[in-house]
Amino acid sequence: MERWTEITYNSPHCYLASRKKMRLLSTARTDIYLLTENFAEAYLAFLLNNRDHLSRFEPLRTEEYFTLEHTRQRIADSATDFAARKNLLLVFTPKDEDKIIGSINFTNFVYGVFQACYLGFSLDHAYQGKGLMHEALEIALSYVQREYGLHRVMANHLPGNLRSSNTLTKLGFSQEGFAKSYLKINGSWQDHVLNALIFDESI
């Protein structure tokens, strides 16, 4: 059974600094939370546990990035964009558990005639191949469509990242292009496949 929770934006800093975990969405096998400061330790544990695994897909990280203080500060710094409805940073756990096994980041929201954002996501290496990423993303995308009124979500990946490619395809994303030397990943400029999901506005 899927469900979601309404949130308001009157005091976003209170949300992100809250000691109360904000469960935003639930699926049959996952609970999806707004990334708040009280998740800093669990989120850092997720990052450390998957440091080698995720390094192939991310920019080079300093040692400071993997400290609790820096993790807390990044979450706190995201409050301004959250307040302006320019991002939505989520983490998810197995149903009724505390361990973070994945993250879903909607960023760079643009409204007006564009009504779009970017999507990034990652999953604990030990939980791959179970359909959990697809399950969490499916309801998160529905939430973003409904609550933010977006028309397009863009998600790009390395050409060799077949897991992400397959996940996006199953979610309805279409390949729209190929960008040479697009992002500096793991210390070198790398090509990316450009994908987008166009929401059906008749729903």
C-alpha atoms as a PDB file:
ATOM      1  CA  MET A   1       0.000   0.000   0.000  1.00  0.00           C
ATOM      2  CA  GLU A   2       1.367   3.402  -0.982  1.00  0.00           C
ATOM      3  CA  ARG A   3       0.781   6.596   0.971  1.00  0.00           C
ATOM      4  CA  TRP A   4       2.255  10.029   1.382  1.00  0.00           C
ATOM      5  CA  THR A   5       2.247  12.878   3.859  1.00  0.00           C
ATOM      6  CA  GLU A   6       1.488  16.531   3.219  1.00  0.00           C
ATOM      7  CA  ILE A   7       4.162  19.043   4.237  1.00  0.00           C
ATOM      8  CA  THR A   8       4.186  22.816   4.391  1.00  0.00           C
ATOM      9  CA  TYR A   9       7.021  25.242   3.733  1.00  0.00           C
ATOM     10  CA  ASN A  10       6.376  27.867   6.395  1.00  0.00           C
ATOM     11  CA  SER A  11       9.364  26.804   8.458  1.00  0.00           C
ATOM     12  CA  PRO A  12      11.636  24.520   6.409  1.00  0.00           C
ATOM     13  CA  HIS A  13      14.609  25.024   8.712  1.00  0.00           C
ATOM     14  CA  CYS A  14      12.515  23.520  11.495  1.00  0.00           C
ATOM     15  CA  TYR A  15      11.836  20.491   9.328  1.00  0.00           C
ATOM     16  CA  LEU A  16      15.463  19.919   8.388  1.00  0.00           C
ATOM     17  CA  ALA A  17      16.749  20.565  11.920  1.00  0.00           C
ATOM     18  CA  SER A  18      13.965  18.548  13.524  1.00  0.00           C
ATOM     19  CA  ARG A  19      14.713  15.641  15.818  1.00  0.00           C
ATOM     20  CA  LYS A  20      11.541  13.982  14.580  1.00  0.00           C
ATOM     21  CA  LYS A  21      11.894  11.816  11.508  1.00  0.00           C
ATOM     22  CA  MET A  22       9.593  13.009   8.739  1.00  0.00           C
ATOM     23  CA  ARG A  23       8.258   9.955   6.907  1.00  0.00           C
ATOM     24  CA  LEU A  24       6.984  11.384   3.667  1.00  0.00           C
ATOM     25  CA  LEU A  25       6.111   8.283   1.650  1.00  0.00           C
ATOM     26  CA  SER A  26       5.647   4.555   2.121  1.00  0.00           C
ATOM     27  CA  THR A  27       5.550   1.587  -0.253  1.00  0.00           C
ATOM     28  CA  ALA A  28       5.089  -2.122   0.354  1.00  0.00           C
ATOM     29  CA  ARG A  29       8.765  -2.573   1.226  1.00  0.00           C
ATOM     30  CA  THR A  30      10.185   0.882   1.959  1.00  0.00           C
ATOM     31  CA  ASP A  31       9.710   3.984   4.068  1.00  0.00           C
ATOM     32  CA  ILE A  32      10.851   7.228   2.456  1.00  0.00           C
ATOM     33  CA  TYR A  33      11.862  10.202   4.589  1.00  0.00           C
ATOM     34  CA  LEU A  34      12.743  13.839   4.109  1.00  0.00           C
ATOM     35  CA  LEU A  35      16.504  14.082   4.703  1.00  0.00           C
ATOM     36  CA  THR A  36      16.674  16.005   7.994  1.00  0.00           C
ATOM     37  CA  GLU A  37      19.555  16.622  10.377  1.00  0.00           C
ATOM     38  CA  ASN A  38      18.474  13.831  12.692  1.00  0.00           C
ATOM     39  CA  PHE A  39      19.383  11.417   9.883  1.00  0.00           C
ATOM     40  CA  ALA A  40      22.971  12.700   9.711  1.00  0.00           C
ATOM     41  CA  GLU A  41      24.552   9.716  11.466  1.00  0.00           C
ATOM     42  CA  ALA A  42      22.543   7.108   9.561  1.00  0.00           C
ATOM     43  CA  TYR A  43      23.132   8.913   6.269  1.00  0.00           C
ATOM     44  CA  LEU A  44      26.857   9.102   6.923  1.00  0.00           C
ATOM     45  CA  ALA A  45      26.884   5.368   7.677  1.00  0.00           C
ATOM     46  CA  PHE A  46      25.204   4.796   4.281  1.00  0.00           C
ATOM     47  CA  LEU A  47      27.820   6.940   2.532  1.00  0.00           C
ATOM     48  CA  LEU A  48      30.742   5.227   4.274  1.00  0.00           C
ATOM     49  CA  ASN A  49      29.375   1.742   3.661  1.00  0.00           C
ATOM     50  CA  ASN A  50      29.034   2.516  -0.042  1.00  0.00           C
ATOM     51  CA  ARG A  51      32.031   4.782  -0.480  1.00  0.00           C
ATOM     52  CA  ASP A  52      33.909   2.542  -2.920  1.00  0.00           C
ATOM     53  CA  HIS A  53      30.754   1.451  -4.710  1.00  0.00           C
ATOM     54  CA  LEU A  54      29.467   4.989  -5.325  1.00  0.00           C
ATOM     55  CA  SER A  55      32.846   6.558  -6.118  1.00  0.00           C
ATOM     56  CA  ARG A  56      32.563   5.339  -9.727  1.00  0.00           C
ATOM     57  CA  PHE A  57      29.492   7.495 -10.267  1.00  0.00           C
ATOM     58  CA  GLU A  58      30.212  10.645  -8.242  1.00  0.00           C
ATOM     59  CA  PRO A  59      32.670  13.552  -8.110  1.00  0.00           C
ATOM     60  CA  LEU A  60      35.827  13.068  -6.069  1.00  0.00           C
ATOM     61  CA  ARG A  61      35.057  13.509  -2.370  1.00  0.00           C
ATOM     62  CA  THR A  62      37.395  14.931   0.245  1.00  0.00           C
ATOM     63  CA  GLU A  63      37.919  13.235   3.596  1.00  0.00           C
ATOM     64  CA  GLU A  64      35.969  16.084   5.163  1.00  0.00           C
ATOM     65  CA  TYR A  65      32.915  15.076   3.133  1.00  0.00           C
ATOM     66  CA  PHE A  66      32.768  11.837   5.116  1.00  0.00           C
ATOM     67  CA  THR A  67      32.656  13.469   8.538  1.00  0.00           C
ATOM     68  CA  LEU A  68      29.551  13.851  10.680  1.00  0.00           C
ATOM     69  CA  GLU A  69      29.984  17.626  10.995  1.00  0.00           C
ATOM     70  CA  HIS A  70      30.168  18.099   7.238  1.00  0.00           C
ATOM     71  CA  THR A  71      27.200  15.793   6.658  1.00  0.00           C
ATOM     72  CA  ARG A  72      25.083  17.773   9.115  1.00  0.00           C
ATOM     73  CA  GLN A  73      26.153  21.029   7.497  1.00  0.00           C
ATOM     74  CA  ARG A  74      25.221  19.865   3.990  1.00  0.00           C
ATOM     75  CA  ILE A  75      21.754  18.923   5.213  1.00  0.00           C
ATOM     76  CA  ALA A  76      21.354  22.283   6.971  1.00  0.00           C
ATOM     77  CA  ASP A  77      22.568  24.137   3.881  1.00  0.00           C
ATOM     78  CA  SER A  78      19.899  22.473   1.752  1.00  0.00           C
ATOM     79  CA  ALA A  79      17.144  24.212   3.762  1.00  0.00           C
ATOM     80  CA  THR A  80      17.224  27.394   1.673  1.00  0.00           C
ATOM     81  CA  ASP A  81      16.517  25.581  -1.585  1.00  0.00           C
ATOM     82  CA  PHE A  82      13.933  23.389   0.135  1.00  0.00           C
ATOM     83  CA  ALA A  83      12.171  26.541   1.367  1.00  0.00           C
ATOM     84  CA  ALA A  84      12.204  27.968  -2.154  1.00  0.00           C
ATOM     85  CA  ARG A  85      10.798  24.676  -3.499  1.00  0.00           C
ATOM     86  CA  LYS A  86      13.976  24.113  -5.486  1.00  0.00           C
ATOM     87  CA  ASN A  87      14.945  20.725  -4.097  1.00  0.00           C
ATOM     88  CA  LEU A  88      13.601  17.660  -2.339  1.00  0.00           C
ATOM     89  CA  LEU A  89      16.223  15.408  -0.737  1.00  0.00           C
ATOM     90  CA  LEU A  90      14.986  12.002   0.376  1.00  0.00           C
ATOM     91  CA  VAL A  91      16.387   8.868   1.980  1.00  0.00           C
ATOM     92  CA  PHE A  92      14.701   5.506   2.354  1.00  0.00           C
ATOM     93  CA  THR A  93      14.885   2.466   4.594  1.00  0.00           C
ATOM     94  CA  PRO A  94      13.479  -1.051   4.491  1.00  0.00           C
ATOM     95  CA  LYS A  95       9.928  -1.078   5.846  1.00  0.00           C
ATOM     96  CA  ASP A  96       9.816  -0.294   9.583  1.00  0.00           C
ATOM     97  CA  GLU A  97      13.627  -0.270   9.888  1.00  0.00           C
ATOM     98  CA  ASP A  98      16.134   2.483  10.653  1.00  0.00           C
ATOM     99  CA  LYS A  99      18.994   1.666   8.277  1.00  0.00           C
ATOM    100  CA  ILE A 100      19.231   3.976   5.279  1.00  0.00           C
ATOM    101  CA  ILE A 101      19.669   1.939   2.104  1.00  0.00           C
ATOM    102  CA  GLY A 102      19.146   4.578  -0.561  1.00  0.00           C
ATOM    103  CA  SER A 103      18.810   8.233  -1.472  1.00  0.00           C
ATOM    104  CA  ILE A 104      16.663  10.107  -3.978  1.00  0.00           C
ATOM    105  CA  ASN A 105      17.523  13.710  -4.814  1.00  0.00           C
ATOM    106  CA  PHE A 106      15.319  16.041  -6.830  1.00  0.00           C
ATOM    107  CA  THR A 107      17.310  19.229  -7.456  1.00  0.00           C
ATOM    108  CA  ASN A 108      17.498  22.430  -9.517  1.00  0.00           C
ATOM    109  CA  PHE A 109      13.752  22.936  -9.762  1.00  0.00           C
ATOM    110  CA  VAL A 110      12.783  25.438 -12.456  1.00  0.00           C
ATOM    111  CA  TYR A 111       9.209  26.657 -12.845  1.00  0.00           C
ATOM    112  CA  GLY A 112       7.536  28.995 -15.342  1.00  0.00           C
ATOM    113  CA  VAL A 113       7.511  27.672 -18.891  1.00  0.00           C
ATOM    114  CA  PHE A 114       9.985  24.856 -18.058  1.00  0.00           C
ATOM    115  CA  GLN A 115       8.590  23.172 -14.922  1.00  0.00           C
ATOM    116  CA  ALA A 116      11.420  20.679 -14.569  1.00  0.00           C
ATOM    117  CA  CYS A 117      14.059  19.304 -12.224  1.00  0.00           C
ATOM    118  CA  TYR A 118      16.954  16.855 -12.111  1.00  0.00           C
ATOM    119  CA  LEU A 119      16.888  13.460 -10.429  1.00  0.00           C
ATOM    120  CA  GLY A 120      19.784  11.634  -8.812  1.00  0.00           C
ATOM    121  CA  PHE A 121      19.588   8.381  -6.885  1.00  0.00           C
ATOM    122  CA  SER A 122      21.774   5.768  -5.216  1.00  0.00           C
ATOM    123  CA  LEU A 123      21.240   2.407  -3.561  1.00  0.00           C
ATOM    124  CA  ASP A 124      23.238   0.392  -1.049  1.00  0.00           C
ATOM    125  CA  HIS A 125      25.265  -2.204  -2.962  1.00  0.00           C
ATOM    126  CA  ALA A 126      23.887  -5.002  -0.751  1.00  0.00           C
ATOM    127  CA  TYR A 127      20.294  -4.252  -1.816  1.00  0.00           C
ATOM    128  CA  GLN A 128      20.739  -4.169  -5.574  1.00  0.00           C
ATOM    129  CA  GLY A 129      18.727  -6.439  -7.831  1.00  0.00           C
ATOM    130  CA  LYS A 130      15.626  -6.502  -5.606  1.00  0.00           C
ATOM    131  CA  GLY A 131      13.556  -3.803  -7.305  1.00  0.00           C
ATOM    132  CA  LEU A 132      13.702  -1.521  -4.263  1.00  0.00           C
ATOM    133  CA  MET A 133      15.098   1.461  -6.150  1.00  0.00           C
ATOM    134  CA  HIS A 134      12.326   1.230  -8.735  1.00  0.00           C
ATOM    135  CA  GLU A 135       9.703   0.896  -6.008  1.00  0.00           C
ATOM    136  CA  ALA A 136      10.898   3.964  -4.111  1.00  0.00           C
ATOM    137  CA  LEU A 137      11.425   6.071  -7.219  1.00  0.00           C
ATOM    138  CA  GLU A 138       7.994   5.294  -8.612  1.00  0.00           C
ATOM    139  CA  ILE A 139       6.132   6.801  -5.674  1.00  0.00           C
ATOM    140  CA  ALA A 140       8.645   9.638  -5.274  1.00  0.00           C
ATOM    141  CA  LEU A 141       8.111  10.678  -8.894  1.00  0.00           C
ATOM    142  CA  SER A 142       4.353  10.626  -8.414  1.00  0.00           C
ATOM    143  CA  TYR A 143       4.762  12.804  -5.331  1.00  0.00           C
ATOM    144  CA  VAL A 144       6.895  15.360  -7.161  1.00  0.00           C
ATOM    145  CA  GLN A 145       4.408  15.539 -10.009  1.00  0.00           C
ATOM    146  CA  ARG A 146       1.509  16.135  -7.656  1.00  0.00           C
ATOM    147  CA  GLU A 147       3.103  18.394  -5.059  1.00  0.00           C
ATOM    148  CA  TYR A 148       5.378  20.492  -7.273  1.00  0.00           C
ATOM    149  CA  GLY A 149       3.415  20.526 -10.509  1.00  0.00           C
ATOM    150  CA  LEU A 150       6.405  19.584 -12.628  1.00  0.00           C
ATOM    151  CA  HIS A 151       6.198  18.576 -16.272  1.00  0.00           C
ATOM    152  CA  ARG A 152       9.658  17.051 -16.802  1.00  0.00           C
ATOM    153  CA  VAL A 153      12.231  15.199 -14.692  1.00  0.00           C
ATOM    154  CA  MET A 154      15.728  14.764 -16.129  1.00  0.00           C
ATOM    155  CA  ALA A 155      18.171  12.036 -15.095  1.00  0.00           C
ATOM    156  CA  ASN A 156      21.578  11.443 -16.633  1.00  0.00           C
ATOM    157  CA  HIS A 157      23.973   8.521 -16.207  1.00  0.00           C
ATOM    158  CA  LEU A 158      27.314   7.152 -17.358  1.00  0.00           C
ATOM    159  CA  PRO A 159      27.064   5.051 -20.536  1.00  0.00           C
ATOM    160  CA  GLY A 160      28.227   1.948 -18.687  1.00  0.00           C
ATOM    161  CA  ASN A 161      25.766   2.285 -15.808  1.00  0.00           C
ATOM    162  CA  LEU A 162      23.307  -0.343 -16.980  1.00  0.00           C
ATOM    163  CA  ARG A 163      21.491  -0.625 -13.642  1.00  0.00           C
ATOM    164  CA  SER A 164      20.506   3.039 -13.701  1.00  0.00           C
ATOM    165  CA  SER A 165      19.650   2.826 -17.392  1.00  0.00           C
ATOM    166  CA  ASN A 166      17.337  -0.144 -16.832  1.00  0.00           C
ATOM    167  CA  THR A 167      15.703   1.449 -13.787  1.00  0.00           C
ATOM    168  CA  LEU A 168      14.977   4.677 -15.654  1.00  0.00           C
ATOM    169  CA  THR A 169      13.603   2.826 -18.675  1.00  0.00           C
ATOM    170  CA  LYS A 170      11.211   0.825 -16.494  1.00  0.00           C
ATOM    171  CA  LEU A 171      10.008   4.082 -14.916  1.00  0.00           C
ATOM    172  CA  GLY A 172       9.147   5.535 -18.319  1.00  0.00           C
ATOM    173  CA  PHE A 173      12.216   7.704 -18.967  1.00  0.00           C
ATOM    174  CA  SER A 174      13.324   8.147 -22.565  1.00  0.00           C
ATOM    175  CA  GLN A 175      16.821   8.797 -23.849  1.00  0.00           C
ATOM    176  CA  GLU A 176      17.001  12.290 -25.290  1.00  0.00           C
ATOM    177  CA  GLY A 177      20.667  12.702 -26.053  1.00  0.00           C
ATOM    178  CA  PHE A 178      24.320  12.000 -25.383  1.00  0.00           C
ATOM    179  CA  ALA A 179      26.635  14.619 -23.885  1.00  0.00           C
ATOM    180  CA  LYS A 180      30.375  14.386 -24.394  1.00  0.00           C
ATOM    181  CA  SER A 181      32.624  15.234 -21.434  1.00  0.00           C
ATOM    182  CA  TYR A 182      29.537  16.232 -19.461  1.00  0.00           C
ATOM    183  CA  LEU A 183      30.534  15.904 -15.788  1.00  0.00           C
ATOM    184  CA  LYS A 184      33.788  15.411 -13.901  1.00  0.00           C
ATOM    185  CA  ILE A 185      33.198  12.052 -12.240  1.00  0.00           C
ATOM    186  CA  ASN A 186      35.753  10.325 -10.029  1.00  0.00           C
ATOM    187  CA  GLY A 187      38.404  12.794 -11.165  1.00  0.00           C
ATOM    188  CA  SER A 188      37.885  12.726 -14.936  1.00  0.00           C
ATOM    189  CA  TRP A 189      35.473  14.277 -17.431  1.00  0.00           C
ATOM    190  CA  GLN A 190      33.013  11.654 -18.595  1.00  0.00           C
ATOM    191  CA  ASP A 191      30.279  11.322 -21.197  1.00  0.00           C
ATOM    192  CA  HIS A 192      26.660  10.968 -20.050  1.00  0.00           C
ATOM    193  CA  VAL A 193      23.425   9.614 -21.450  1.00  0.00           C
ATOM    194  CA  LEU A 194      20.649  12.220 -21.110  1.00  0.00           C
ATOM    195  CA  ASN A 195      17.179  10.997 -20.150  1.00  0.00           C
ATOM    196  CA  ALA A 196      13.860  12.584 -19.254  1.00  0.00           C
ATOM    197  CA  LEU A 197      10.437  11.617 -17.998  1.00  0.00           C
ATOM    198  CA  ILE A 198       7.519  13.691 -19.263  1.00  0.00           C
ATOM    199  CA  PHE A 199       4.537  13.486 -16.939  1.00  0.00           C
ATOM    200  CA  ASP A 200       1.141  12.704 -18.391  1.00  0.00           C
ATOM    201  CA  GLU A 201      -0.815  15.813 -17.459  1.00  0.00           C
ATOM    202  CA  SER A 202      -4.118  14.098 -18.162  1.00  0.00           C
ATOM    203  CA  ILE A 203      -3.685  12.022 -14.971  1.00  0.00           C
END
